[in-house]
């Protein structure tokens, strides 16, 4: 069964968050320990991972906007920083 056939519930969103977090960790590892002959090779490898991660992020954000509940502590690392910044901006107003 394909993931697109699954119902958009909180467990599906949690799994999406875990998969996005995995790509975040892979990208961090690539930038820290990846050895490439040229910067073009590095950018190509990074671009491929970002291309795989982008649809996951888009789906997760759409589900969250549509009201699917999620736990803040289960958010991917890249989403946590964005949420913290948004919360700080809204509280300073």
C-alpha atoms as a PDB file:
ATOM      1  CA  UNK A   1       0.000   0.000   0.000  1.00  0.00           C
ATOM      2  CA  UNK A   2       1.363   3.381  -0.981  1.00  0.00           C
ATOM      3  CA  UNK A   3       1.614   6.118   1.601  1.00  0.00           C
ATOM      4  CA  UNK A   4      -0.630   8.386  -0.475  1.00  0.00           C
ATOM      5  CA  UNK A   5      -3.486   5.887   0.061  1.00  0.00           C
ATOM      6  CA  UNK A   6      -3.182   6.100   3.834  1.00  0.00           C
ATOM      7  CA  UNK A   7      -5.593   8.335   5.745  1.00  0.00           C
ATOM      8  CA  UNK A   8      -4.088  11.676   6.796  1.00  0.00           C
ATOM      9  CA  UNK A   9      -4.128  11.213  10.554  1.00  0.00           C
ATOM     10  CA  UNK A  10      -1.794  12.135  13.387  1.00  0.00           C
ATOM     11  CA  UNK A  11       0.180   8.898  13.031  1.00  0.00           C
ATOM     12  CA  UNK A  12       0.820   9.486   9.346  1.00  0.00           C
ATOM     13  CA  UNK A  13       1.972  13.027  10.163  1.00  0.00           C
ATOM     14  CA  UNK A  14       4.240  11.687  12.914  1.00  0.00           C
ATOM     15  CA  UNK A  15       5.826   9.268  10.412  1.00  0.00           C
ATOM     16  CA  UNK A  16       6.306  12.124   7.938  1.00  0.00           C
ATOM     17  CA  UNK A  17       8.022  14.161  10.646  1.00  0.00           C
ATOM     18  CA  UNK A  18      10.344  11.246  11.401  1.00  0.00           C
ATOM     19  CA  UNK A  19      11.230  10.846   7.736  1.00  0.00           C
ATOM     20  CA  UNK A  20      11.898  14.580   7.341  1.00  0.00           C
ATOM     21  CA  UNK A  21      14.090  14.471  10.445  1.00  0.00           C
ATOM     22  CA  UNK A  22      16.034  11.589   8.891  1.00  0.00           C
ATOM     23  CA  UNK A  23      16.730  13.715   5.810  1.00  0.00           C
ATOM     24  CA  UNK A  24      17.752  16.618   8.071  1.00  0.00           C
ATOM     25  CA  UNK A  25      20.291  14.360   9.775  1.00  0.00           C
ATOM     26  CA  UNK A  26      21.544  13.029   6.437  1.00  0.00           C
ATOM     27  CA  UNK A  27      22.035  16.576   5.162  1.00  0.00           C
ATOM     28  CA  UNK A  28      23.883  17.568   8.331  1.00  0.00           C
ATOM     29  CA  UNK A  29      26.139  14.516   8.003  1.00  0.00           C
ATOM     30  CA  UNK A  30      26.761  15.278   4.330  1.00  0.00           C
ATOM     31  CA  UNK A  31      27.765  18.864   5.116  1.00  0.00           C
ATOM     32  CA  UNK A  32      29.974  17.837   8.034  1.00  0.00           C
ATOM     33  CA  UNK A  33      31.660  14.639   6.902  1.00  0.00           C
ATOM     34  CA  UNK A  34      30.972  14.342   3.178  1.00  0.00           C
ATOM     35  CA  UNK A  35      34.102  14.297   1.035  1.00  0.00           C
ATOM     36  CA  UNK A  36      33.698  15.408  -2.556  1.00  0.00           C
ATOM     37  CA  UNK A  37      36.190  16.200  -5.280  1.00  0.00           C
ATOM     38  CA  UNK A  38      34.425  19.422  -6.253  1.00  0.00           C
ATOM     39  CA  UNK A  39      31.838  21.752  -4.814  1.00  0.00           C
ATOM     40  CA  UNK A  40      29.576  20.917  -7.759  1.00  0.00           C
ATOM     41  CA  UNK A  41      29.454  17.284  -6.624  1.00  0.00           C
ATOM     42  CA  UNK A  42      28.584  18.362  -3.096  1.00  0.00           C
ATOM     43  CA  UNK A  43      25.834  20.684  -4.333  1.00  0.00           C
ATOM     44  CA  UNK A  44      24.464  17.937  -6.586  1.00  0.00           C
ATOM     45  CA  UNK A  45      24.298  15.433  -3.711  1.00  0.00           C
ATOM     46  CA  UNK A  46      22.683  18.025  -1.452  1.00  0.00           C
ATOM     47  CA  UNK A  47      20.212  18.961  -4.181  1.00  0.00           C
ATOM     48  CA  UNK A  48      19.144  15.345  -4.607  1.00  0.00           C
ATOM     49  CA  UNK A  49      18.429  14.982  -0.896  1.00  0.00           C
ATOM     50  CA  UNK A  50      16.560  18.279  -0.770  1.00  0.00           C
ATOM     51  CA  UNK A  51      14.474  17.176  -3.770  1.00  0.00           C
ATOM     52  CA  UNK A  52      13.472  14.012  -1.925  1.00  0.00           C
ATOM     53  CA  UNK A  53      12.733  15.936   1.271  1.00  0.00           C
ATOM     54  CA  UNK A  54      10.677  18.750  -0.302  1.00  0.00           C
ATOM     55  CA  UNK A  55       7.468  16.795  -1.048  1.00  0.00           C
ATOM     56  CA  UNK A  56       7.533  15.302   2.448  1.00  0.00           C
ATOM     57  CA  UNK A  57       7.808  18.757   3.983  1.00  0.00           C
ATOM     58  CA  UNK A  58       5.036  20.125   1.779  1.00  0.00           C
ATOM     59  CA  UNK A  59       2.689  17.267   2.743  1.00  0.00           C
ATOM     60  CA  UNK A  60       3.489  17.601   6.449  1.00  0.00           C
ATOM     61  CA  UNK A  61       2.839  21.350   6.443  1.00  0.00           C
ATOM     62  CA  UNK A  62      -0.453  20.884   4.547  1.00  0.00           C
ATOM     63  CA  UNK A  63      -1.610  18.264   7.055  1.00  0.00           C
ATOM     64  CA  UNK A  64      -0.709  20.505   9.973  1.00  0.00           C
ATOM     65  CA  UNK A  65      -2.580  23.440   8.391  1.00  0.00           C
ATOM     66  CA  UNK A  66      -5.637  21.258   7.809  1.00  0.00           C
ATOM     67  CA  UNK A  67      -5.852  20.590  11.539  1.00  0.00           C
ATOM     68  CA  UNK A  68      -4.169  17.214  11.968  1.00  0.00           C
ATOM     69  CA  UNK A  69      -2.856  17.222  15.526  1.00  0.00           C
ATOM     70  CA  UNK A  70       0.811  16.655  16.331  1.00  0.00           C
ATOM     71  CA  UNK A  71       3.119  16.809  19.305  1.00  0.00           C
ATOM     72  CA  UNK A  72       5.622  19.678  19.345  1.00  0.00           C
ATOM     73  CA  UNK A  73       8.386  17.385  20.603  1.00  0.00           C
ATOM     74  CA  UNK A  74       7.945  15.093  17.556  1.00  0.00           C
ATOM     75  CA  UNK A  75       8.662  17.851  15.048  1.00  0.00           C
ATOM     76  CA  UNK A  76      11.757  17.510  12.852  1.00  0.00           C
ATOM     77  CA  UNK A  77      14.747  19.619  13.864  1.00  0.00           C
ATOM     78  CA  UNK A  78      14.297  21.979  10.937  1.00  0.00           C
ATOM     79  CA  UNK A  79      10.644  22.613  11.880  1.00  0.00           C
ATOM     80  CA  UNK A  80      11.466  23.246  15.542  1.00  0.00           C
ATOM     81  CA  UNK A  81      13.703  26.209  14.820  1.00  0.00           C
ATOM     82  CA  UNK A  82      11.085  27.771  12.548  1.00  0.00           C
ATOM     83  CA  UNK A  83       8.335  27.308  15.159  1.00  0.00           C
ATOM     84  CA  UNK A  84      10.481  28.761  17.933  1.00  0.00           C
ATOM     85  CA  UNK A  85      11.289  31.831  15.828  1.00  0.00           C
ATOM     86  CA  UNK A  86       7.610  32.323  14.943  1.00  0.00           C
ATOM     87  CA  UNK A  87       6.592  32.015  18.595  1.00  0.00           C
ATOM     88  CA  UNK A  88       9.203  34.576  19.658  1.00  0.00           C
ATOM     89  CA  UNK A  89       8.076  37.021  16.970  1.00  0.00           C
ATOM     90  CA  UNK A  90       4.418  36.703  17.909  1.00  0.00           C
ATOM     91  CA  UNK A  91       5.121  37.102  21.639  1.00  0.00           C
ATOM     92  CA  UNK A  92       7.200  40.255  21.115  1.00  0.00           C
ATOM     93  CA  UNK A  93       4.316  42.038  19.369  1.00  0.00           C
END
